[in-house]
C-alpha atoms as a PDB file:
ATOM      1  CA  LEU A   1       9.751   6.496  -4.144  1.00  0.00           C
ATOM      2  CA  VAL A   2       8.028   8.417  -1.356  1.00  0.00           C
ATOM      3  CA  GLU A   3      10.242  11.436  -2.035  1.00  0.00           C
ATOM      4  CA  ARG A   4       9.425  11.324  -5.740  1.00  0.00           C
ATOM      5  CA  PHE A   5       5.700  10.982  -5.074  1.00  0.00           C
ATOM      6  CA  SER A   6       5.765  13.849  -2.576  1.00  0.00           C
ATOM      7  CA  HIS A   7       6.749  16.295  -5.358  1.00  0.00           C
ATOM      8  CA  SER A   8       4.308  15.060  -7.971  1.00  0.00           C
ATOM      9  CA  THR A   9       1.388  17.195  -9.088  1.00  0.00           C
ATOM     10  CA  LEU A  10      -0.414  14.054 -10.250  1.00  0.00           C
ATOM     11  CA  GLN A  11      -2.941  12.032  -8.277  1.00  0.00           C
ATOM     12  CA  ILE A  12      -1.021   8.823  -7.595  1.00  0.00           C
ATOM     13  CA  LEU A  13      -2.780   5.512  -7.064  1.00  0.00           C
ATOM     14  CA  LEU A  14      -0.867   2.387  -6.052  1.00  0.00           C
ATOM     15  CA  VAL A  15      -2.419  -1.068  -6.293  1.00  0.00           C
ATOM     16  CA  ASN A  16      -0.901  -3.700  -4.001  1.00  0.00           C
ATOM     17  CA  HIS A  17      -1.216  -7.438  -4.541  1.00  0.00           C
ATOM     18  CA  ILE A  18      -1.837  -9.047  -1.137  1.00  0.00           C
ATOM     19  CA  ASN A  19      -3.651 -12.404  -0.901  1.00  0.00           C
ATOM     20  CA  HIS A  20      -3.685 -13.133   2.839  1.00  0.00           C
ATOM     21  CA  ALA A  21      -3.768 -11.113   6.060  1.00  0.00           C
ATOM     22  CA  ASN A  22      -0.500 -12.759   7.147  1.00  0.00           C
ATOM     23  CA  GLU A  23       1.243 -10.657   4.494  1.00  0.00           C
ATOM     24  CA  VAL A  24       0.179  -7.436   6.232  1.00  0.00           C
ATOM     25  CA  ASP A  25       2.979  -6.968   8.746  1.00  0.00           C
ATOM     26  CA  GLU A  26       4.481  -3.957  10.505  1.00  0.00           C
ATOM     27  CA  THR A  27       6.911  -3.275   7.656  1.00  0.00           C
ATOM     28  CA  PHE A  28       4.004  -3.156   5.194  1.00  0.00           C
ATOM     29  CA  ARG A  29       1.925  -0.925   7.506  1.00  0.00           C
ATOM     30  CA  GLN A  30       4.812   1.528   7.904  1.00  0.00           C
ATOM     31  CA  ALA A  31       5.430   1.641   4.156  1.00  0.00           C
ATOM     32  CA  MET A  32       1.748   2.294   3.472  1.00  0.00           C
ATOM     33  CA  ALA A  33       1.686   5.047   6.118  1.00  0.00           C
ATOM     34  CA  LYS A  34       4.595   6.812   4.380  1.00  0.00           C
ATOM     35  CA  LEU A  35       2.809   6.642   1.045  1.00  0.00           C
ATOM     36  CA  ARG A  36      -0.471   7.894   2.530  1.00  0.00           C
ATOM     37  CA  ARG A  37       1.326  10.861   4.108  1.00  0.00           C
ATOM     38  CA  VAL A  38       2.358  12.073   0.641  1.00  0.00           C
ATOM     39  CA  GLY A  39      -1.163  11.648  -0.737  1.00  0.00           C
ATOM     40  CA  VAL A  40      -0.965   8.278  -2.483  1.00  0.00           C
ATOM     41  CA  THR A  41      -4.284   6.441  -2.791  1.00  0.00           C
ATOM     42  CA  LEU A  42      -3.790   2.787  -1.834  1.00  0.00           C
ATOM     43  CA  LEU A  43      -5.814  -0.120  -3.196  1.00  0.00           C
ATOM     44  CA  ASN A  44      -5.384  -3.887  -3.140  1.00  0.00           C
ATOM     45  CA  GLN A  45      -6.124  -6.681  -5.544  1.00  0.00           C
ATOM     46  CA  SER A  46      -6.057 -10.333  -4.560  1.00  0.00           C
ATOM     47  CA  VAL A  47      -6.480 -13.645  -6.301  1.00  0.00           C
ATOM     48  CA  LEU A  48      -8.935 -16.157  -4.850  1.00  0.00           C
ATOM     49  CA  LEU A  49      -6.815 -19.256  -4.191  1.00  0.00           C
ATOM     50  CA  ARG A  50      -8.021 -22.637  -2.965  1.00  0.00           C
ATOM     51  CA  GLY A  51      -6.334 -23.501   0.311  1.00  0.00           C
ATOM     52  CA  VAL A  52      -5.017 -19.962   0.812  1.00  0.00           C
ATOM     53  CA  ASN A  53      -7.919 -17.520   1.040  1.00  0.00           C
ATOM     54  CA  ASP A  54     -10.972 -19.426  -0.203  1.00  0.00           C
ATOM     55  CA  ASN A  55     -13.300 -18.727   2.699  1.00  0.00           C
ATOM     56  CA  ALA A  56     -15.195 -15.662   3.833  1.00  0.00           C
ATOM     57  CA  GLN A  57     -13.525 -15.336   7.236  1.00  0.00           C
ATOM     58  CA  THR A  58     -10.030 -15.353   5.740  1.00  0.00           C
ATOM     59  CA  LEU A  59     -11.095 -12.683   3.246  1.00  0.00           C
ATOM     60  CA  ALA A  60     -12.723 -10.652   6.040  1.00  0.00           C
ATOM     61  CA  ASN A  61      -9.474 -10.824   7.998  1.00  0.00           C
ATOM     62  CA  LEU A  62      -7.606  -9.663   4.900  1.00  0.00           C
ATOM     63  CA  SER A  63      -9.996  -6.765   4.256  1.00  0.00           C
ATOM     64  CA  ASN A  64      -9.773  -5.626   7.875  1.00  0.00           C
ATOM     65  CA  ALA A  65      -5.967  -5.899   7.957  1.00  0.00           C
ATOM     66  CA  LEU A  66      -5.696  -3.926   4.722  1.00  0.00           C
ATOM     67  CA  PHE A  67      -8.073  -1.239   5.951  1.00  0.00           C
ATOM     68  CA  ASP A  68      -6.137  -0.939   9.214  1.00  0.00           C
ATOM     69  CA  ALA A  69      -3.035  -0.336   7.055  1.00  0.00           C
ATOM     70  CA  GLY A  70      -4.836   2.362   5.048  1.00  0.00           C
ATOM     71  CA  VAL A  71      -5.408   0.196   1.974  1.00  0.00           C
ATOM     72  CA  MET A  72      -8.829  -0.341   0.413  1.00  0.00           C
ATOM     73  CA  PRO A  73      -9.738  -3.787  -0.934  1.00  0.00           C
ATOM     74  CA  TYR A  74     -10.456  -3.282  -4.638  1.00  0.00           C
ATOM     75  CA  TYR A  75     -10.473  -6.487  -6.693  1.00  0.00           C
ATOM     76  CA  LEU A  76     -10.689 -10.178  -5.898  1.00  0.00           C
ATOM     77  CA  HIS A  77      -9.753 -12.069  -9.056  1.00  0.00           C
ATOM     78  CA  VAL A  78     -10.843 -15.560  -9.895  1.00  0.00           C
ATOM     79  CA  LEU A  79      -7.778 -17.466 -10.991  1.00  0.00           C
ATOM     80  CA  ASP A  80      -6.818 -17.457 -14.657  1.00  0.00           C
ATOM     81  CA  LYS A  81      -6.746 -20.942 -16.138  1.00  0.00           C
ATOM     82  CA  VAL A  82      -3.011 -21.358 -16.477  1.00  0.00           C
ATOM     83  CA  GLN A  83      -0.937 -24.512 -16.618  1.00  0.00           C
ATOM     84  CA  GLY A  84       0.179 -25.802 -13.229  1.00  0.00           C
ATOM     85  CA  ALA A  85      -2.300 -23.833 -11.128  1.00  0.00           C
ATOM     86  CA  ALA A  86      -5.452 -25.980 -11.309  1.00  0.00           C
ATOM     87  CA  HIS A  87      -5.067 -27.004  -7.653  1.00  0.00           C
ATOM     88  CA  PHE A  88      -5.661 -23.339  -6.664  1.00  0.00           C
ATOM     89  CA  MET A  89      -8.824 -23.012  -8.785  1.00  0.00           C
ATOM     90  CA  VAL A  90     -12.092 -21.970  -7.113  1.00  0.00           C
ATOM     91  CA  SER A  91     -15.212 -22.299  -9.280  1.00  0.00           C
ATOM     92  CA  ASP A  92     -17.304 -19.250 -10.109  1.00  0.00           C
ATOM     93  CA  ASP A  93     -20.199 -20.654  -8.059  1.00  0.00           C
ATOM     94  CA  GLU A  94     -17.940 -21.205  -5.037  1.00  0.00           C
ATOM     95  CA  ALA A  95     -16.493 -17.708  -5.457  1.00  0.00           C
ATOM     96  CA  ARG A  96     -19.973 -16.182  -5.515  1.00  0.00           C
ATOM     97  CA  GLN A  97     -20.953 -18.080  -2.363  1.00  0.00           C
ATOM     98  CA  ILE A  98     -17.796 -16.947  -0.561  1.00  0.00           C
ATOM     99  CA  MET A  99     -18.524 -13.345  -1.556  1.00  0.00           C
ATOM    100  CA  ARG A 100     -22.131 -13.580  -0.349  1.00  0.00           C
ATOM    101  CA  GLU A 101     -20.808 -14.806   3.013  1.00  0.00           C
ATOM    102  CA  LEU A 102     -18.204 -12.030   3.079  1.00  0.00           C
ATOM    103  CA  LEU A 103     -21.002  -9.478   2.739  1.00  0.00           C
ATOM    104  CA  THR A 104     -22.328 -10.690   6.121  1.00  0.00           C
ATOM    105  CA  LEU A 105     -18.950 -10.253   7.847  1.00  0.00           C
ATOM    106  CA  VAL A 106     -17.676  -6.813   6.823  1.00  0.00           C
ATOM    107  CA  SER A 107     -19.029  -3.422   5.817  1.00  0.00           C
ATOM    108  CA  GLY A 108     -19.741  -3.009   2.124  1.00  0.00           C
ATOM    109  CA  TYR A 109     -16.760  -0.746   1.494  1.00  0.00           C
ATOM    110  CA  LEU A 110     -14.458  -3.594   2.594  1.00  0.00           C
ATOM    111  CA  VAL A 111     -15.846  -6.039   0.015  1.00  0.00           C
ATOM    112  CA  PRO A 112     -13.662  -6.182  -3.103  1.00  0.00           C
ATOM    113  CA  LYS A 113     -15.170  -6.518  -6.568  1.00  0.00           C
ATOM    114  CA  LEU A 114     -15.148 -10.124  -7.741  1.00  0.00           C
ATOM    115  CA  ALA A 115     -13.687 -10.095 -11.248  1.00  0.00           C
ATOM    116  CA  ARG A 116     -11.918 -12.053 -13.925  1.00  0.00           C
ATOM    117  CA  GLU A 117      -9.468 -11.004 -16.546  1.00  0.00           C
ATOM    118  CA  ILE A 118     -10.473 -11.870 -20.096  1.00  0.00           C
ATOM    119  CA  GLY A 119      -7.870 -11.525 -22.824  1.00  0.00           C
ATOM    120  CA  GLY A 120      -8.601  -8.713 -25.249  1.00  0.00           C
ATOM    121  CA  GLU A 121     -11.033  -6.936 -22.937  1.00  0.00           C
ATOM    122  CA  PRO A 122     -10.135  -3.347 -21.995  1.00  0.00           C
ATOM    123  CA  SER A 123     -10.725  -3.922 -18.282  1.00  0.00           C
ATOM    124  CA  LYS A 124     -11.500  -6.579 -15.723  1.00  0.00           C
ATOM    125  CA  THR A 125     -14.892  -8.249 -16.061  1.00  0.00           C
ATOM    126  CA  PRO A 126     -17.010  -8.250 -12.882  1.00  0.00           C
ATOM    127  CA  LEU A 127     -18.718 -11.482 -11.872  1.00  0.00           C
ATOM    128  CA  ASP A 128     -22.352 -11.065 -10.881  1.00  0.00           C
ATOM    129  CA  LEU A 129     -22.855 -12.245  -7.294  1.00  0.00           C
ATOM    130  CA  GLN A 130     -26.432 -13.264  -8.164  1.00  0.00           C
ATOM    131  CA  LEU A 131     -27.799 -11.810  -4.935  1.00  0.00           C
END
């Protein structure tokens, strides 16, 4: 993959899906470094999950770990309402509060956009933080 990307004339952007800082290990950091060396722009999207990453400090740790690996936090999705996942659901109000707290813990460029996916829409729909 790195070899193929190194010969491309296109601007390549790769979006990772990492939900917790514990997923950012040395193997991941080395892989991201190889991709960065050939000019790949690296972003991350996460899903806000109750009991996994539903507090500001955990998200701050994730943003910092990603940044240290050369990956910019991009989106934080509220969970889609799918069967069998209700126990992971975080309400919109809780999500907004977590994001407001996150803004006090990290620099603005490390704060992902809070968004939801709505079927039929051409892109993700941002959630207003109501600051």
